[in-house]
């Protein structure tokens, strides 16, 4: 403790969940007829200090996921900044429409210190996200991804049991 939760009734917790201090979870449904659980946390998930998870549509965290400290995971933005519809910079950010896209983190993923995971990202099983990375695109299974934006630099080779450069 302290541990901050808003929207607890929209969270499904798996067994053996552990967390560090000052974890902040905000779950605010924005759409009607959505599933009851917007944040699903699998079994044996460990979230460390000062992690912030913000959900308005869907974030799913698989089993055996390790999340280091100071990680930010969000399925939404204040405004739209891509495609042909863009939010005006003349509108205050807090008044811009919330735009969302689900985030999926599969089983056995390790997310390093100070990582940001942005809306619409799918991190597949067994992957590692290096410290200080910004994940803005999908990460394939069994990869090590680093940087801003995060890109896979290694992939696990099951034939020789080695992480090999891509």
N, C-alpha and C. Protein backbone atom coordinates (compact mmCIF):
# COMPACT_ATOMS: atom_id res chain seq x y z
N UNK A 1 0.85 -1.19 0.00
CA UNK A 1 0.00 0.00 0.00
C UNK A 1 0.89 1.23 0.00
N UNK A 2 0.48 2.35 -0.52
CA UNK A 2 -0.84 2.58 -1.10
C UNK A 2 -0.98 1.98 -2.50
N UNK A 3 -2.22 1.71 -2.85
CA UNK A 3 -2.60 1.11 -4.13
C UNK A 3 -3.90 1.80 -4.52
N UNK A 4 -3.94 2.44 -5.68
CA UNK A 4 -5.09 3.23 -6.08
C UNK A 4 -5.88 2.52 -7.18
N UNK A 5 -7.18 2.31 -6.94
CA UNK A 5 -8.04 1.67 -7.93
C UNK A 5 -9.30 2.51 -8.09
N UNK A 6 -9.62 2.83 -9.34
CA UNK A 6 -10.91 3.44 -9.66
C UNK A 6 -11.58 2.55 -10.70
N UNK A 7 -12.85 2.20 -10.45
CA UNK A 7 -13.57 1.30 -11.35
C UNK A 7 -13.33 -0.15 -11.06
N UNK A 8 -13.17 -0.50 -9.79
CA UNK A 8 -12.83 -1.86 -9.37
C UNK A 8 -13.80 -2.92 -9.91
N UNK A 9 -15.08 -2.58 -10.04
CA UNK A 9 -16.05 -3.58 -10.49
C UNK A 9 -15.84 -3.99 -11.95
N UNK A 10 -14.99 -3.25 -12.67
CA UNK A 10 -14.71 -3.56 -14.08
C UNK A 10 -13.38 -4.29 -14.25
N UNK A 11 -12.84 -4.81 -13.13
CA UNK A 11 -11.55 -5.51 -13.17
C UNK A 11 -11.74 -6.97 -12.77
N UNK A 12 -11.14 -7.86 -13.55
CA UNK A 12 -11.13 -9.29 -13.22
C UNK A 12 -9.70 -9.66 -12.84
N UNK A 13 -9.52 -10.12 -11.61
CA UNK A 13 -8.20 -10.43 -11.07
C UNK A 13 -7.94 -11.93 -11.12
N UNK A 14 -6.75 -12.33 -11.56
CA UNK A 14 -6.35 -13.72 -11.50
C UNK A 14 -5.73 -14.06 -10.16
N UNK A 15 -5.51 -15.33 -9.92
CA UNK A 15 -4.90 -15.79 -8.67
C UNK A 15 -3.44 -15.35 -8.60
N UNK A 16 -2.96 -15.15 -7.37
CA UNK A 16 -1.56 -14.85 -7.09
C UNK A 16 -1.08 -13.53 -7.69
N UNK A 17 -1.97 -12.55 -7.76
CA UNK A 17 -1.59 -11.21 -8.21
C UNK A 17 -0.80 -10.53 -7.10
N UNK A 18 0.31 -9.88 -7.46
CA UNK A 18 1.07 -9.09 -6.50
C UNK A 18 1.40 -7.73 -7.11
N UNK A 19 1.58 -6.74 -6.23
CA UNK A 19 1.92 -5.40 -6.72
C UNK A 19 2.85 -4.69 -5.77
N UNK A 20 3.51 -3.67 -6.31
CA UNK A 20 4.35 -2.80 -5.51
C UNK A 20 3.55 -1.61 -5.01
N UNK A 21 4.25 -0.62 -4.50
CA UNK A 21 3.59 0.57 -3.95
C UNK A 21 3.18 1.54 -5.05
N UNK A 22 2.17 2.32 -4.75
CA UNK A 22 1.69 3.41 -5.62
C UNK A 22 1.30 2.96 -7.02
N UNK A 23 0.77 1.75 -7.13
CA UNK A 23 0.18 1.30 -8.40
C UNK A 23 -1.13 2.06 -8.55
N UNK A 24 -1.40 2.54 -9.75
CA UNK A 24 -2.63 3.29 -10.03
C UNK A 24 -3.35 2.63 -11.19
N UNK A 25 -4.58 2.20 -10.94
CA UNK A 25 -5.41 1.59 -11.98
C UNK A 25 -6.69 2.39 -12.10
N UNK A 26 -6.93 2.92 -13.30
CA UNK A 26 -8.14 3.70 -13.60
C UNK A 26 -8.91 2.99 -14.69
N UNK A 27 -10.15 2.57 -14.38
CA UNK A 27 -11.00 1.89 -15.35
C UNK A 27 -12.32 2.66 -15.44
N UNK A 28 -12.53 3.31 -16.59
CA UNK A 28 -13.71 4.15 -16.79
C UNK A 28 -14.41 3.76 -18.09
N UNK A 29 -15.46 2.96 -18.02
CA UNK A 29 -16.18 2.58 -19.25
C UNK A 29 -16.71 3.82 -19.96
N UNK A 30 -16.55 3.86 -21.27
CA UNK A 30 -17.01 5.00 -22.06
C UNK A 30 -18.11 4.63 -23.05
N UNK A 31 -18.33 3.34 -23.25
CA UNK A 31 -19.31 2.89 -24.24
C UNK A 31 -20.38 2.05 -23.57
N UNK A 32 -21.57 2.09 -24.12
CA UNK A 32 -22.65 1.25 -23.61
C UNK A 32 -22.50 -0.17 -24.16
N UNK A 33 -23.15 -1.11 -23.48
CA UNK A 33 -23.17 -2.51 -23.90
C UNK A 33 -21.77 -3.12 -24.00
N UNK A 34 -20.89 -2.73 -23.09
CA UNK A 34 -19.55 -3.32 -23.08
C UNK A 34 -19.54 -4.49 -22.11
N UNK A 35 -18.52 -5.32 -22.20
CA UNK A 35 -18.42 -6.43 -21.27
C UNK A 35 -18.17 -5.89 -19.86
N UNK A 36 -18.49 -6.68 -18.87
CA UNK A 36 -18.36 -6.23 -17.50
C UNK A 36 -16.91 -5.90 -17.15
N UNK A 37 -15.98 -6.73 -17.61
CA UNK A 37 -14.58 -6.55 -17.27
C UNK A 37 -13.83 -5.86 -18.41
N UNK A 38 -13.34 -4.67 -18.12
CA UNK A 38 -12.54 -3.95 -19.11
C UNK A 38 -11.06 -4.22 -18.93
N UNK A 39 -10.67 -4.52 -17.70
CA UNK A 39 -9.29 -4.90 -17.40
C UNK A 39 -9.31 -6.33 -16.88
N UNK A 40 -8.60 -7.22 -17.59
CA UNK A 40 -8.49 -8.61 -17.16
C UNK A 40 -7.02 -8.91 -16.89
N UNK A 41 -6.75 -9.34 -15.66
CA UNK A 41 -5.39 -9.65 -15.24
C UNK A 41 -5.32 -11.14 -14.96
N UNK A 42 -4.41 -11.83 -15.63
CA UNK A 42 -4.28 -13.28 -15.50
C UNK A 42 -3.68 -13.71 -14.18
N UNK A 43 -3.35 -14.99 -14.10
CA UNK A 43 -2.77 -15.56 -12.89
C UNK A 43 -1.27 -15.31 -12.84
N UNK A 44 -0.76 -15.22 -11.60
CA UNK A 44 0.68 -15.05 -11.35
C UNK A 44 1.25 -13.80 -12.01
N UNK A 45 0.48 -12.72 -12.00
CA UNK A 45 0.94 -11.45 -12.56
C UNK A 45 1.57 -10.63 -11.44
N UNK A 46 2.74 -10.06 -11.73
CA UNK A 46 3.43 -9.20 -10.78
C UNK A 46 3.61 -7.82 -11.39
N UNK A 47 3.03 -6.83 -10.72
CA UNK A 47 3.13 -5.43 -11.14
C UNK A 47 3.91 -4.70 -10.07
N UNK A 48 5.00 -4.04 -10.44
CA UNK A 48 5.85 -3.40 -9.46
C UNK A 48 5.49 -1.93 -9.23
N UNK A 49 6.33 -1.19 -8.55
CA UNK A 49 6.04 0.16 -8.06
C UNK A 49 5.72 1.17 -9.17
N UNK A 50 4.79 2.06 -8.86
CA UNK A 50 4.46 3.24 -9.68
C UNK A 50 3.99 2.89 -11.09
N UNK A 51 3.33 1.76 -11.25
CA UNK A 51 2.74 1.40 -12.54
C UNK A 51 1.38 2.10 -12.65
N UNK A 52 1.07 2.62 -13.83
CA UNK A 52 -0.23 3.26 -14.10
C UNK A 52 -0.87 2.55 -15.28
N UNK A 53 -2.08 2.04 -15.06
CA UNK A 53 -2.86 1.40 -16.13
C UNK A 53 -4.16 2.17 -16.27
N UNK A 54 -4.41 2.69 -17.48
CA UNK A 54 -5.63 3.44 -17.76
C UNK A 54 -6.45 2.74 -18.82
N UNK A 55 -7.74 2.46 -18.50
CA UNK A 55 -8.59 1.67 -19.39
C UNK A 55 -9.95 2.34 -19.58
N UNK A 56 -10.37 2.46 -20.85
CA UNK A 56 -11.75 2.87 -21.14
C UNK A 56 -12.47 1.85 -22.03
N UNK A 57 -11.71 0.94 -22.67
CA UNK A 57 -12.31 -0.06 -23.54
C UNK A 57 -11.89 -1.48 -23.17
N UNK A 58 -10.57 -1.80 -23.28
CA UNK A 58 -10.12 -3.17 -22.98
C UNK A 58 -8.60 -3.23 -22.87
N UNK A 59 -8.14 -3.76 -21.73
CA UNK A 59 -6.75 -4.16 -21.58
C UNK A 59 -6.78 -5.56 -20.98
N UNK A 60 -6.05 -6.47 -21.63
CA UNK A 60 -5.98 -7.86 -21.17
C UNK A 60 -4.52 -8.21 -20.93
N UNK A 61 -4.24 -8.68 -19.72
CA UNK A 61 -2.89 -9.08 -19.34
C UNK A 61 -2.94 -10.57 -19.05
N UNK A 62 -2.10 -11.34 -19.74
CA UNK A 62 -2.12 -12.81 -19.63
C UNK A 62 -1.53 -13.32 -18.33
N UNK A 63 -1.27 -14.61 -18.29
CA UNK A 63 -0.70 -15.28 -17.12
C UNK A 63 0.82 -15.12 -17.09
N UNK A 64 1.37 -15.12 -15.87
CA UNK A 64 2.82 -15.11 -15.67
C UNK A 64 3.50 -13.91 -16.32
N UNK A 65 2.85 -12.76 -16.21
CA UNK A 65 3.41 -11.52 -16.76
C UNK A 65 4.10 -10.77 -15.63
N UNK A 66 5.30 -10.27 -15.93
CA UNK A 66 6.09 -9.48 -15.00
C UNK A 66 6.18 -8.06 -15.54
N UNK A 67 5.72 -7.09 -14.75
CA UNK A 67 5.75 -5.68 -15.16
C UNK A 67 6.63 -4.93 -14.16
N UNK A 68 7.73 -4.38 -14.65
CA UNK A 68 8.66 -3.65 -13.79
C UNK A 68 8.04 -2.32 -13.33
N UNK A 69 8.79 -1.53 -12.62
CA UNK A 69 8.31 -0.26 -12.07
C UNK A 69 8.19 0.84 -13.14
N UNK A 70 7.34 1.81 -12.84
CA UNK A 70 7.16 3.02 -13.64
C UNK A 70 6.71 2.72 -15.07
N UNK A 71 5.88 1.72 -15.24
CA UNK A 71 5.34 1.35 -16.55
C UNK A 71 3.98 2.01 -16.71
N UNK A 72 3.69 2.48 -17.92
CA UNK A 72 2.41 3.10 -18.26
C UNK A 72 1.77 2.28 -19.37
N UNK A 73 0.52 1.84 -19.14
CA UNK A 73 -0.23 1.08 -20.14
C UNK A 73 -1.59 1.76 -20.31
N UNK A 74 -1.93 2.13 -21.54
CA UNK A 74 -3.22 2.79 -21.78
C UNK A 74 -3.82 2.32 -23.09
N UNK A 75 -5.15 2.21 -23.08
CA UNK A 75 -5.87 1.86 -24.31
C UNK A 75 -6.50 3.09 -24.96
N UNK A 76 -6.15 4.28 -24.50
CA UNK A 76 -6.84 5.48 -25.03
C UNK A 76 -5.95 6.72 -25.06
N UNK A 77 -6.41 7.67 -25.86
CA UNK A 77 -5.79 8.99 -25.99
C UNK A 77 -6.87 10.05 -25.88
N UNK A 78 -6.47 11.24 -25.48
CA UNK A 78 -7.35 12.40 -25.53
C UNK A 78 -7.19 13.00 -26.92
N UNK A 79 -8.09 12.63 -27.83
CA UNK A 79 -8.05 13.15 -29.20
C UNK A 79 -7.56 12.13 -30.20
N UNK A 80 -7.75 12.47 -31.47
CA UNK A 80 -7.34 11.63 -32.60
C UNK A 80 -6.26 12.36 -33.37
N UNK A 81 -5.13 11.68 -33.62
CA UNK A 81 -3.98 12.32 -34.27
C UNK A 81 -3.48 11.54 -35.47
N UNK A 82 -4.35 10.69 -36.03
CA UNK A 82 -3.98 9.93 -37.21
C UNK A 82 -5.18 9.85 -38.14
N UNK A 83 -4.97 9.29 -39.29
CA UNK A 83 -6.01 9.19 -40.33
C UNK A 83 -6.42 10.58 -40.81
N UNK A 84 -7.62 10.71 -41.31
CA UNK A 84 -8.07 11.99 -41.86
C UNK A 84 -8.87 12.83 -40.87
N UNK A 85 -9.13 12.29 -39.70
CA UNK A 85 -9.86 13.03 -38.68
C UNK A 85 -8.89 13.34 -37.56
N UNK A 86 -8.63 14.63 -37.32
CA UNK A 86 -7.67 15.01 -36.31
C UNK A 86 -8.28 15.97 -35.32
N UNK A 87 -7.83 15.87 -34.08
CA UNK A 87 -8.30 16.77 -33.03
C UNK A 87 -7.59 18.11 -33.15
N UNK A 88 -8.32 19.16 -32.94
CA UNK A 88 -7.78 20.51 -33.05
C UNK A 88 -6.93 20.85 -31.83
N UNK A 89 -5.76 21.45 -32.05
CA UNK A 89 -4.95 21.89 -30.91
C UNK A 89 -5.57 23.09 -30.19
N UNK A 90 -6.65 23.67 -30.75
CA UNK A 90 -7.33 24.78 -30.10
C UNK A 90 -8.29 24.31 -29.01
N UNK A 91 -8.62 23.00 -29.02
CA UNK A 91 -9.47 22.42 -27.99
C UNK A 91 -8.58 21.96 -26.84
N UNK A 92 -8.89 22.32 -25.60
CA UNK A 92 -8.07 21.86 -24.48
C UNK A 92 -8.01 20.32 -24.46
N UNK A 93 -6.85 19.74 -24.18
CA UNK A 93 -6.71 18.28 -24.22
C UNK A 93 -7.75 17.54 -23.39
N UNK A 94 -8.11 18.06 -22.22
CA UNK A 94 -9.09 17.37 -21.37
C UNK A 94 -10.49 17.37 -21.96
N UNK A 95 -10.74 18.21 -22.97
CA UNK A 95 -12.06 18.27 -23.60
C UNK A 95 -12.12 17.54 -24.94
N UNK A 96 -11.01 17.00 -25.39
CA UNK A 96 -10.97 16.26 -26.66
C UNK A 96 -11.62 14.90 -26.48
N UNK A 97 -12.23 14.40 -27.56
CA UNK A 97 -12.87 13.08 -27.53
C UNK A 97 -11.86 12.00 -27.18
N UNK A 98 -12.25 11.06 -26.32
CA UNK A 98 -11.40 9.93 -26.01
C UNK A 98 -11.47 8.90 -27.13
N UNK A 99 -10.32 8.53 -27.65
CA UNK A 99 -10.20 7.56 -28.73
C UNK A 99 -9.50 6.33 -28.14
N UNK A 100 -10.06 5.13 -28.37
CA UNK A 100 -9.48 3.93 -27.75
C UNK A 100 -9.28 2.80 -28.73
N UNK A 101 -8.38 1.89 -28.36
CA UNK A 101 -8.12 0.66 -29.08
C UNK A 101 -7.54 -0.34 -28.08
N UNK A 102 -8.05 -1.57 -28.02
CA UNK A 102 -7.63 -2.53 -26.99
C UNK A 102 -6.14 -2.83 -26.98
N UNK A 103 -5.64 -3.16 -25.80
CA UNK A 103 -4.26 -3.59 -25.59
C UNK A 103 -4.31 -5.03 -25.08
N UNK A 104 -3.54 -5.91 -25.72
CA UNK A 104 -3.46 -7.31 -25.32
C UNK A 104 -2.00 -7.64 -25.02
N UNK A 105 -1.76 -8.19 -23.84
CA UNK A 105 -0.43 -8.66 -23.45
C UNK A 105 -0.60 -10.14 -23.13
N UNK A 106 0.03 -10.99 -23.92
CA UNK A 106 -0.14 -12.43 -23.75
C UNK A 106 0.70 -12.99 -22.60
N UNK A 107 0.66 -14.30 -22.44
CA UNK A 107 1.35 -14.99 -21.35
C UNK A 107 2.87 -14.87 -21.44
N UNK A 108 3.50 -14.94 -20.26
CA UNK A 108 4.96 -15.02 -20.13
C UNK A 108 5.70 -13.82 -20.72
N UNK A 109 5.09 -12.66 -20.66
CA UNK A 109 5.72 -11.44 -21.14
C UNK A 109 6.39 -10.73 -19.96
N UNK A 110 7.56 -10.16 -20.24
CA UNK A 110 8.28 -9.36 -19.25
C UNK A 110 8.39 -7.95 -19.81
N UNK A 111 7.88 -6.99 -19.06
CA UNK A 111 7.91 -5.58 -19.47
C UNK A 111 8.89 -4.86 -18.55
N UNK A 112 9.95 -4.28 -19.15
CA UNK A 112 11.01 -3.65 -18.38
C UNK A 112 10.64 -2.31 -17.78
N UNK A 113 11.55 -1.78 -17.02
CA UNK A 113 11.40 -0.52 -16.29
C UNK A 113 11.09 0.66 -17.22
N UNK A 114 10.13 1.48 -16.80
CA UNK A 114 9.82 2.75 -17.46
C UNK A 114 9.33 2.61 -18.90
N UNK A 115 8.63 1.53 -19.20
CA UNK A 115 8.08 1.29 -20.54
C UNK A 115 6.70 1.95 -20.66
N UNK A 116 6.38 2.46 -21.84
CA UNK A 116 5.03 2.94 -22.16
C UNK A 116 4.45 2.05 -23.24
N UNK A 117 3.22 1.57 -23.00
CA UNK A 117 2.51 0.74 -23.97
C UNK A 117 1.28 1.52 -24.40
N UNK A 118 1.20 1.82 -25.68
CA UNK A 118 0.18 2.70 -26.22
C UNK A 118 -1.04 1.94 -26.75
N UNK A 119 -2.13 2.64 -27.01
CA UNK A 119 -3.38 2.00 -27.47
C UNK A 119 -3.18 1.15 -28.73
N UNK A 120 -3.93 0.04 -28.77
CA UNK A 120 -3.96 -0.81 -29.96
C UNK A 120 -2.81 -1.79 -30.07
N UNK A 121 -1.99 -1.92 -29.05
CA UNK A 121 -0.80 -2.77 -29.12
C UNK A 121 -1.14 -4.20 -28.70
N UNK A 122 -0.55 -5.15 -29.38
CA UNK A 122 -0.67 -6.58 -29.08
C UNK A 122 0.76 -7.10 -28.87
N UNK A 123 1.06 -7.50 -27.64
CA UNK A 123 2.37 -8.07 -27.33
C UNK A 123 2.17 -9.57 -27.18
N UNK A 124 2.77 -10.33 -28.07
CA UNK A 124 2.54 -11.78 -28.09
C UNK A 124 3.40 -12.52 -27.08
N UNK A 125 3.04 -13.77 -26.83
CA UNK A 125 3.59 -14.58 -25.75
C UNK A 125 5.12 -14.67 -25.76
N UNK A 126 5.65 -14.70 -24.54
CA UNK A 126 7.07 -14.93 -24.36
C UNK A 126 7.98 -13.78 -24.72
N UNK A 127 7.44 -12.62 -25.02
CA UNK A 127 8.28 -11.50 -25.44
C UNK A 127 8.79 -10.69 -24.25
N UNK A 128 9.85 -9.94 -24.50
CA UNK A 128 10.48 -9.08 -23.51
C UNK A 128 10.52 -7.67 -24.10
N UNK A 129 10.10 -6.69 -23.30
CA UNK A 129 10.16 -5.29 -23.72
C UNK A 129 11.23 -4.62 -22.88
N UNK A 130 12.28 -4.12 -23.54
CA UNK A 130 13.41 -3.52 -22.84
C UNK A 130 13.07 -2.21 -22.15
N UNK A 131 13.84 -1.89 -21.12
CA UNK A 131 13.64 -0.68 -20.32
C UNK A 131 13.58 0.56 -21.21
N UNK A 132 12.72 1.50 -20.81
CA UNK A 132 12.58 2.81 -21.45
C UNK A 132 12.01 2.75 -22.87
N UNK A 133 11.43 1.64 -23.26
CA UNK A 133 10.87 1.52 -24.60
C UNK A 133 9.46 2.10 -24.67
N UNK A 134 9.08 2.53 -25.87
CA UNK A 134 7.72 2.99 -26.14
C UNK A 134 7.14 2.03 -27.17
N UNK A 135 6.13 1.26 -26.75
CA UNK A 135 5.55 0.25 -27.63
C UNK A 135 4.34 0.85 -28.31
N UNK A 136 4.47 1.11 -29.60
CA UNK A 136 3.38 1.71 -30.37
C UNK A 136 2.87 0.79 -31.47
N UNK A 137 3.55 -0.35 -31.67
CA UNK A 137 3.14 -1.33 -32.67
C UNK A 137 3.21 -2.72 -32.06
N UNK A 138 2.56 -3.68 -32.70
CA UNK A 138 2.51 -5.06 -32.21
C UNK A 138 3.91 -5.67 -32.13
N UNK A 139 4.09 -6.54 -31.14
CA UNK A 139 5.35 -7.25 -30.97
C UNK A 139 5.09 -8.74 -31.16
N UNK A 140 5.82 -9.40 -32.08
CA UNK A 140 5.61 -10.83 -32.34
C UNK A 140 6.00 -11.69 -31.14
N UNK A 141 5.63 -12.98 -31.16
CA UNK A 141 5.96 -13.86 -30.04
C UNK A 141 7.45 -14.11 -29.93
N UNK A 142 7.90 -14.33 -28.69
CA UNK A 142 9.26 -14.75 -28.38
C UNK A 142 10.32 -13.80 -28.94
N UNK A 143 10.05 -12.50 -28.82
CA UNK A 143 11.00 -11.49 -29.28
C UNK A 143 11.45 -10.61 -28.12
N UNK A 144 12.62 -10.03 -28.27
CA UNK A 144 13.07 -8.95 -27.40
C UNK A 144 12.95 -7.68 -28.22
N UNK A 145 12.18 -6.71 -27.71
CA UNK A 145 11.96 -5.45 -28.42
C UNK A 145 12.45 -4.31 -27.55
N UNK A 146 13.11 -3.33 -28.18
CA UNK A 146 13.64 -2.18 -27.45
C UNK A 146 13.48 -0.92 -28.28
N UNK A 147 13.55 0.24 -27.61
CA UNK A 147 13.64 1.51 -28.30
C UNK A 147 12.36 2.32 -28.31
N UNK A 148 12.46 3.46 -28.99
CA UNK A 148 11.34 4.38 -29.17
C UNK A 148 11.30 4.79 -30.63
N UNK A 149 10.40 4.17 -31.40
CA UNK A 149 9.43 3.14 -31.02
C UNK A 149 10.12 1.78 -30.86
N UNK A 150 9.51 0.94 -30.02
CA UNK A 150 10.08 -0.39 -29.76
C UNK A 150 10.06 -1.23 -31.03
N UNK A 151 11.19 -1.88 -31.30
CA UNK A 151 11.32 -2.78 -32.45
C UNK A 151 12.01 -4.06 -32.00
N UNK A 152 11.58 -5.20 -32.54
CA UNK A 152 12.24 -6.46 -32.19
C UNK A 152 13.70 -6.46 -32.64
N UNK A 153 14.58 -6.87 -31.74
CA UNK A 153 16.01 -6.97 -32.08
C UNK A 153 16.51 -8.40 -31.99
N UNK A 154 15.78 -9.25 -31.24
CA UNK A 154 16.15 -10.66 -31.11
C UNK A 154 14.89 -11.51 -31.10
N UNK A 155 15.05 -12.77 -31.51
CA UNK A 155 13.96 -13.73 -31.48
C UNK A 155 14.52 -15.04 -30.92
N UNK A 156 13.70 -15.72 -30.12
CA UNK A 156 14.16 -16.97 -29.53
C UNK A 156 14.08 -18.09 -30.56
N UNK A 157 15.18 -18.81 -30.71
CA UNK A 157 15.26 -19.96 -31.61
C UNK A 157 15.09 -21.22 -30.77
N UNK A 158 13.97 -21.90 -30.93
CA UNK A 158 13.67 -23.09 -30.13
C UNK A 158 14.53 -24.29 -30.52
N UNK A 159 15.10 -24.29 -31.73
CA UNK A 159 15.93 -25.42 -32.15
C UNK A 159 17.27 -25.45 -31.41
N UNK A 160 17.86 -24.26 -31.17
CA UNK A 160 19.16 -24.25 -30.48
C UNK A 160 19.09 -23.57 -29.11
N UNK A 161 17.88 -23.19 -28.68
CA UNK A 161 17.65 -22.58 -27.36
C UNK A 161 18.48 -21.31 -27.14
N UNK A 162 18.51 -20.46 -28.18
CA UNK A 162 19.26 -19.19 -28.10
C UNK A 162 18.41 -18.02 -28.58
N UNK A 163 18.67 -16.84 -27.98
CA UNK A 163 18.10 -15.60 -28.49
C UNK A 163 19.02 -15.12 -29.61
N UNK A 164 18.47 -15.00 -30.81
CA UNK A 164 19.29 -14.63 -31.97
C UNK A 164 18.90 -13.26 -32.50
N UNK A 165 19.92 -12.51 -32.96
CA UNK A 165 19.66 -11.21 -33.55
C UNK A 165 18.79 -11.35 -34.78
N UNK A 166 17.92 -10.37 -34.96
CA UNK A 166 17.05 -10.37 -36.14
C UNK A 166 17.74 -9.58 -37.24
